[in-house]
Protein backbone atom coordinates (compact mmCIF):
# COMPACT_ATOMS: atom_id res chain seq x y z
CA MET A 1 -11.28 -8.90 27.05
CA GLN A 2 -10.69 -7.14 23.71
CA ASP A 3 -7.30 -7.59 22.01
CA ARG A 4 -5.76 -4.11 21.86
CA ARG A 5 -2.67 -5.09 19.89
CA ALA A 6 -2.18 -3.07 16.74
CA ARG A 7 -3.28 -4.57 13.43
CA ILE A 8 -1.30 -3.68 10.32
CA LEU A 9 -2.37 -3.88 6.69
CA ILE A 10 0.75 -5.00 4.81
CA SER A 11 1.45 -5.22 1.08
CA ALA A 12 1.44 -8.85 0.01
CA CYS A 13 4.65 -8.35 -2.00
CA LEU A 14 6.49 -7.39 1.21
CA MET A 15 5.56 -10.78 2.66
CA GLY A 16 7.04 -12.66 -0.28
CA PHE A 17 4.00 -13.09 -2.50
CA ARG A 18 4.85 -12.65 -6.19
CA VAL A 19 2.07 -10.16 -6.93
CA ARG A 20 3.94 -7.12 -8.22
CA TYR A 21 3.33 -5.91 -11.77
CA ASN A 22 6.37 -7.90 -13.01
CA GLY A 23 5.53 -11.03 -11.02
CA SER A 24 8.17 -10.44 -8.36
CA ASP A 25 8.04 -9.91 -4.61
CA LYS A 26 9.85 -7.66 -2.14
CA LYS A 27 10.40 -10.26 0.53
CA TRP A 28 12.17 -8.99 3.61
CA VAL A 29 10.52 -9.78 6.87
CA LEU A 30 11.98 -8.20 9.98
CA ALA A 31 11.99 -10.35 13.09
CA ALA A 32 9.24 -8.23 14.64
CA LEU A 33 7.06 -8.56 11.56
CA ALA A 34 7.54 -12.32 11.59
CA GLN A 35 6.49 -12.34 15.25
CA TRP A 36 3.51 -10.13 14.51
CA GLN A 37 2.51 -12.45 11.70
CA ARG A 38 2.56 -15.38 14.14
CA GLU A 39 0.39 -13.27 16.48
CA GLN A 40 -2.03 -12.67 13.59
CA ARG A 41 -1.56 -8.91 13.69
CA LEU A 42 -0.71 -8.62 9.98
CA VAL A 43 -3.40 -8.39 7.35
CA VAL A 44 -1.68 -9.35 4.10
CA HIS A 45 -3.33 -7.73 1.11
CA CYS A 46 -2.58 -6.80 -2.50
CA PRO A 47 -5.04 -4.11 -3.60
CA GLU A 48 -4.21 -4.56 -7.28
CA LEU A 49 -4.85 -8.31 -7.22
CA ALA A 50 -8.01 -7.78 -5.17
CA ALA A 51 -9.25 -5.43 -7.92
CA GLY A 52 -8.71 -8.14 -10.53
CA LEU A 53 -5.43 -7.09 -12.11
CA PRO A 54 -3.33 -10.02 -13.39
CA THR A 55 0.24 -10.94 -12.50
CA PRO A 56 2.30 -10.05 -14.39
CA ARG A 57 0.75 -6.86 -15.73
CA LEU A 58 1.94 -3.74 -17.51
CA PRO A 59 3.55 -1.07 -15.35
CA ALA A 60 1.19 1.75 -14.41
CA GLU A 61 1.90 5.28 -13.22
CA ILE A 62 -0.12 8.25 -12.03
CA VAL A 63 -0.29 10.99 -14.65
CA GLY A 64 -1.11 14.55 -13.65
CA GLY A 65 -0.68 14.39 -9.89
CA SER A 66 -0.65 11.94 -7.01
CA GLY A 67 -3.05 9.47 -5.42
CA ALA A 68 -5.07 12.23 -3.74
CA ASP A 69 -5.48 13.87 -7.16
CA VAL A 70 -6.73 10.57 -8.63
CA LEU A 71 -9.27 10.32 -5.79
CA ALA A 72 -10.40 13.88 -6.53
CA GLY A 73 -10.67 13.23 -10.28
CA ARG A 74 -7.78 15.55 -11.19
CA ALA A 75 -5.29 12.84 -12.26
CA ARG A 76 -5.43 9.37 -13.77
CA VAL A 77 -3.58 6.07 -13.67
CA VAL A 78 -2.24 4.89 -17.02
CA GLU A 79 -0.46 1.71 -18.10
CA SER A 80 2.74 1.88 -20.13
CA ASP A 81 0.76 1.21 -23.34
CA GLY A 82 -1.39 4.31 -22.68
CA ARG A 83 -4.51 2.51 -21.44
CA ASP A 84 -6.35 4.44 -18.73
CA VAL A 85 -6.83 2.11 -15.74
CA THR A 86 -7.95 4.72 -13.23
CA ARG A 87 -11.22 2.92 -12.39
CA ILE A 88 -9.37 -0.29 -11.53
CA TYR A 89 -6.94 1.55 -9.27
CA LEU A 90 -9.80 3.38 -7.54
CA LEU A 91 -11.41 -0.01 -6.92
CA ALA A 92 -8.06 -1.31 -5.59
CA ALA A 93 -7.85 1.62 -3.17
CA ASN A 94 -11.41 1.09 -1.95
CA LEU A 95 -10.79 -2.62 -1.43
CA ALA A 96 -7.66 -1.86 0.58
CA LEU A 97 -9.64 0.55 2.77
CA GLU A 98 -12.45 -1.94 3.22
CA THR A 99 -10.00 -4.70 4.16
CA ALA A 100 -8.18 -2.47 6.63
CA GLN A 101 -11.38 -1.26 8.26
CA GLN A 102 -12.92 -4.72 8.53
CA ALA A 103 -9.74 -6.05 10.16
CA GLY A 104 -9.42 -3.09 12.52
CA CYS A 105 -6.08 -1.92 11.10
CA ARG A 106 -4.83 1.42 12.37
CA TYR A 107 -1.59 1.13 10.41
CA ALA A 108 -0.45 0.11 6.94
CA LEU A 109 3.01 -0.90 5.75
CA LEU A 110 2.97 -0.60 1.98
CA SER A 111 5.31 -1.05 -0.97
CA ASP A 112 6.73 2.32 -1.94
CA GLY A 113 6.80 3.49 -5.55
CA SER A 114 3.56 1.80 -6.52
CA PRO A 115 0.70 3.86 -8.03
CA THR A 116 -1.47 2.09 -5.46
CA CYS A 117 0.66 1.61 -2.37
CA GLY A 118 3.42 4.20 -2.66
CA SER A 119 3.39 6.42 0.41
CA GLN A 120 6.65 8.38 0.22
CA GLY A 121 7.28 8.31 -3.51
CA ILE A 122 5.69 7.31 -6.78
CA TYR A 123 6.98 7.22 -10.33
CA ASP A 124 6.80 10.47 -12.29
CA GLY A 125 4.01 9.50 -14.72
CA ARG A 126 6.28 9.51 -17.79
CA PHE A 127 7.58 5.91 -17.49
CA SER A 128 11.09 7.36 -17.26
CA GLY A 129 12.10 5.32 -14.21
CA GLN A 130 12.29 8.51 -12.16
CA ARG A 131 10.51 8.86 -8.84
CA ARG A 132 9.00 11.90 -7.18
CA ARG A 133 7.46 12.59 -3.80
CA GLY A 134 3.84 11.58 -3.53
CA ALA A 135 1.46 8.84 -2.54
CA GLY A 136 -0.43 6.21 -4.49
CA VAL A 137 -4.19 5.94 -4.63
CA ALA A 138 -4.67 3.40 -1.80
CA ALA A 139 -2.12 5.09 0.47
CA ALA A 140 -3.91 8.42 0.01
CA LEU A 141 -7.34 6.90 0.68
CA LEU A 142 -6.14 5.05 3.78
CA ARG A 143 -4.67 8.30 5.15
CA GLN A 144 -7.89 10.18 4.42
CA HIS A 145 -9.63 7.64 6.68
CA GLY A 146 -7.19 7.95 9.58
CA ILE A 147 -4.96 4.95 8.91
CA ALA A 148 -1.27 5.76 9.39
CA VAL A 149 0.62 4.66 6.28
CA PHE A 150 4.31 3.75 6.28
CA ALA A 151 6.62 2.80 3.40
CA GLU A 152 8.74 -0.34 3.60
CA GLN A 153 11.85 1.76 4.37
CA GLN A 154 9.99 3.16 7.39
CA ALA A 155 9.41 -0.25 8.98
CA ASP A 156 11.67 0.53 11.95
CA GLU A 157 9.77 3.77 12.55
CA LEU A 158 6.44 1.92 12.44
CA LEU A 159 7.69 -0.76 14.83
CA ALA A 160 8.98 1.85 17.29
CA HIS A 161 5.71 3.80 17.08
CA ILE A 162 3.59 0.73 17.79
CA ARG A 163 5.81 -0.30 20.70
CA ARG A 164 5.43 3.19 22.23
CA MET A 165 1.65 3.15 21.73
CA GLU A 166 1.24 -0.30 23.24
CA ALA A 167 3.52 0.49 26.17
CA ALA A 168 1.34 3.52 26.95
CA ASP A 169 -1.84 1.39 27.04
């Protein structure tokens, strides 16, 4: 019998791995996520590390749009020193999609604010510390391929959604 439990791609930094640009994590694991990790539902992944970016690394922001604009070639990802790293972030997005698809993930819980994983908001592209609505490159690509993407502050919403879906099965 096939396992019909939902699989979730989750940002490695949300699981306590120190992979963020500044070498930190965002560890906070809800009881349900801990249980789902024990059940092997979570697919822990850092797109930026998978694409070969080091930790720590310079901050990067999307200039000229959002993740969908980067995918369409209308915007770029730039590090704080001005270096264009768009190709690396496109690779990161594609690796996230490949990982999610290979693992059968229908959902993703990603670190908000990131030029890769942000799903509700990203930084404004001026390195001012200000956020704006928008999605990062991987979040946009995952959505384009039918994977529901949630930000860390939407974890309760994701958990409730999955419970409803699995109760209906």
